[in-house]
């Protein structure tokens, strides 16, 4: 098993109302990551992803493009200590 990491990612741009959370959940689930995704009141999308470093980095790469109708202006990434407090990947409200 690889190194376990946790990333808190804020995605800026046109990322709400374009299927971004659905895209994140599907991508993260296919990569075997745990965590959550939520819309923020400032128009960004926040993701907490935990798993092996390789899949988390693949998720980050995919977030730079996002789904078809999204326009990603940038990502803010904070690396945190893994907590193992998620079981699967889901939406947070």
C-alpha atoms as a PDB file:
ATOM      1  CA  UNK A   1       0.000   0.000   0.000  1.00  0.00           C
ATOM      2  CA  UNK A   2       1.236   3.495  -0.882  1.00  0.00           C
ATOM      3  CA  UNK A   3       1.519   6.587   1.246  1.00  0.00           C
ATOM      4  CA  UNK A   4      -1.853   7.708   2.654  1.00  0.00           C
ATOM      5  CA  UNK A   5      -2.536  11.436   2.124  1.00  0.00           C
ATOM      6  CA  UNK A   6      -5.380  13.913   2.560  1.00  0.00           C
ATOM      7  CA  UNK A   7      -5.950  16.984   0.399  1.00  0.00           C
ATOM      8  CA  UNK A   8      -8.414  19.824   0.931  1.00  0.00           C
ATOM      9  CA  UNK A   9      -8.997  21.393  -2.462  1.00  0.00           C
ATOM     10  CA  UNK A  10     -10.908  24.559  -3.305  1.00  0.00           C
ATOM     11  CA  UNK A  11     -11.820  24.882  -7.007  1.00  0.00           C
ATOM     12  CA  UNK A  12     -12.379  28.397  -8.382  1.00  0.00           C
ATOM     13  CA  UNK A  13     -14.193  29.355 -11.589  1.00  0.00           C
ATOM     14  CA  UNK A  14     -17.544  28.422 -13.106  1.00  0.00           C
ATOM     15  CA  UNK A  15     -17.920  25.283 -11.038  1.00  0.00           C
ATOM     16  CA  UNK A  16     -21.445  25.400  -9.640  1.00  0.00           C
ATOM     17  CA  UNK A  17     -24.510  24.410 -11.634  1.00  0.00           C
ATOM     18  CA  UNK A  18     -22.415  22.526 -14.211  1.00  0.00           C
ATOM     19  CA  UNK A  19     -22.294  19.023 -12.706  1.00  0.00           C
ATOM     20  CA  UNK A  20     -18.964  19.560 -10.975  1.00  0.00           C
ATOM     21  CA  UNK A  21     -19.841  17.791  -7.716  1.00  0.00           C
ATOM     22  CA  UNK A  22     -21.194  14.796  -9.660  1.00  0.00           C
ATOM     23  CA  UNK A  23     -17.963  14.733 -11.710  1.00  0.00           C
ATOM     24  CA  UNK A  24     -15.835  14.866  -8.552  1.00  0.00           C
ATOM     25  CA  UNK A  25     -17.787  12.115  -6.804  1.00  0.00           C
ATOM     26  CA  UNK A  26     -17.619   9.788  -9.811  1.00  0.00           C
ATOM     27  CA  UNK A  27     -13.930  10.439 -10.431  1.00  0.00           C
ATOM     28  CA  UNK A  28     -12.950  10.050  -6.780  1.00  0.00           C
ATOM     29  CA  UNK A  29     -15.022   6.882  -6.406  1.00  0.00           C
ATOM     30  CA  UNK A  30     -13.434   5.349  -9.508  1.00  0.00           C
ATOM     31  CA  UNK A  31     -10.005   6.103  -7.994  1.00  0.00           C
ATOM     32  CA  UNK A  32     -10.934   4.427  -4.698  1.00  0.00           C
ATOM     33  CA  UNK A  33     -10.737   7.638  -2.673  1.00  0.00           C
ATOM     34  CA  UNK A  34     -12.658   8.552   0.452  1.00  0.00           C
ATOM     35  CA  UNK A  35     -13.929  12.051   1.188  1.00  0.00           C
ATOM     36  CA  UNK A  36     -16.595  14.578   0.310  1.00  0.00           C
ATOM     37  CA  UNK A  37     -17.436  17.416  -2.052  1.00  0.00           C
ATOM     38  CA  UNK A  38     -19.565  20.503  -1.395  1.00  0.00           C
ATOM     39  CA  UNK A  39     -20.586  23.799  -2.955  1.00  0.00           C
ATOM     40  CA  UNK A  40     -19.437  26.825  -0.965  1.00  0.00           C
ATOM     41  CA  UNK A  41     -21.393  30.062  -0.623  1.00  0.00           C
ATOM     42  CA  UNK A  42     -18.570  31.985  -2.341  1.00  0.00           C
ATOM     43  CA  UNK A  43     -19.145  30.074  -5.616  1.00  0.00           C
ATOM     44  CA  UNK A  44     -16.267  27.626  -5.199  1.00  0.00           C
ATOM     45  CA  UNK A  45     -16.384  23.863  -4.770  1.00  0.00           C
ATOM     46  CA  UNK A  46     -14.514  22.317  -1.843  1.00  0.00           C
ATOM     47  CA  UNK A  47     -13.241  18.756  -1.886  1.00  0.00           C
ATOM     48  CA  UNK A  48     -11.639  16.701   0.842  1.00  0.00           C
ATOM     49  CA  UNK A  49     -10.001  13.625  -0.645  1.00  0.00           C
ATOM     50  CA  UNK A  50      -8.127  10.936   1.225  1.00  0.00           C
ATOM     51  CA  UNK A  51      -6.334   7.887  -0.091  1.00  0.00           C
ATOM     52  CA  UNK A  52      -3.054   6.835  -1.622  1.00  0.00           C
ATOM     53  CA  UNK A  53      -0.959   9.694  -3.011  1.00  0.00           C
ATOM     54  CA  UNK A  54      -1.100   8.545  -6.656  1.00  0.00           C
ATOM     55  CA  UNK A  55      -4.897   8.494  -6.946  1.00  0.00           C
ATOM     56  CA  UNK A  56      -5.230  11.804  -5.056  1.00  0.00           C
ATOM     57  CA  UNK A  57      -2.801  13.400  -7.521  1.00  0.00           C
ATOM     58  CA  UNK A  58      -4.781  11.965 -10.447  1.00  0.00           C
ATOM     59  CA  UNK A  59      -7.957  13.504  -8.981  1.00  0.00           C
ATOM     60  CA  UNK A  60      -6.201  16.868  -8.691  1.00  0.00           C
ATOM     61  CA  UNK A  61      -5.110  16.627 -12.334  1.00  0.00           C
ATOM     62  CA  UNK A  62      -8.698  15.868 -13.409  1.00  0.00           C
ATOM     63  CA  UNK A  63     -10.029  18.790 -11.339  1.00  0.00           C
ATOM     64  CA  UNK A  64      -7.924  21.232 -13.367  1.00  0.00           C
ATOM     65  CA  UNK A  65     -10.245  20.541 -16.323  1.00  0.00           C
ATOM     66  CA  UNK A  66     -13.485  19.407 -14.687  1.00  0.00           C
ATOM     67  CA  UNK A  67     -16.639  18.408 -16.543  1.00  0.00           C
ATOM     68  CA  UNK A  68     -17.636  19.696 -19.962  1.00  0.00           C
ATOM     69  CA  UNK A  69     -19.431  22.922 -18.969  1.00  0.00           C
ATOM     70  CA  UNK A  70     -17.099  23.957 -16.154  1.00  0.00           C
ATOM     71  CA  UNK A  71     -14.434  26.615 -16.401  1.00  0.00           C
ATOM     72  CA  UNK A  72     -11.716  26.060 -13.802  1.00  0.00           C
ATOM     73  CA  UNK A  73      -9.760  29.211 -12.979  1.00  0.00           C
ATOM     74  CA  UNK A  74      -7.564  27.599 -10.347  1.00  0.00           C
ATOM     75  CA  UNK A  75      -7.143  25.231  -7.434  1.00  0.00           C
ATOM     76  CA  UNK A  76      -6.102  25.965  -3.872  1.00  0.00           C
ATOM     77  CA  UNK A  77      -4.670  22.814  -2.307  1.00  0.00           C
ATOM     78  CA  UNK A  78      -3.870  22.208   1.346  1.00  0.00           C
ATOM     79  CA  UNK A  79      -2.220  18.947   2.341  1.00  0.00           C
ATOM     80  CA  UNK A  80      -3.367  17.632   5.718  1.00  0.00           C
ATOM     81  CA  UNK A  81      -2.685  14.634   7.918  1.00  0.00           C
ATOM     82  CA  UNK A  82      -4.928  11.691   6.985  1.00  0.00           C
ATOM     83  CA  UNK A  83      -7.715  11.144   9.518  1.00  0.00           C
ATOM     84  CA  UNK A  84      -9.485   8.095   8.087  1.00  0.00           C
ATOM     85  CA  UNK A  85     -12.821   9.662   9.057  1.00  0.00           C
ATOM     86  CA  UNK A  86     -14.615   8.983   5.746  1.00  0.00           C
ATOM     87  CA  UNK A  87     -16.083   5.773   4.413  1.00  0.00           C
ATOM     88  CA  UNK A  88     -16.475   6.184   0.669  1.00  0.00           C
ATOM     89  CA  UNK A  89     -16.920   9.468  -1.199  1.00  0.00           C
ATOM     90  CA  UNK A  90     -20.103  11.503  -1.006  1.00  0.00           C
ATOM     91  CA  UNK A  91     -21.724  14.920  -1.123  1.00  0.00           C
ATOM     92  CA  UNK A  92     -21.553  17.148   1.953  1.00  0.00           C
ATOM     93  CA  UNK A  93     -24.275  19.685   2.707  1.00  0.00           C
END
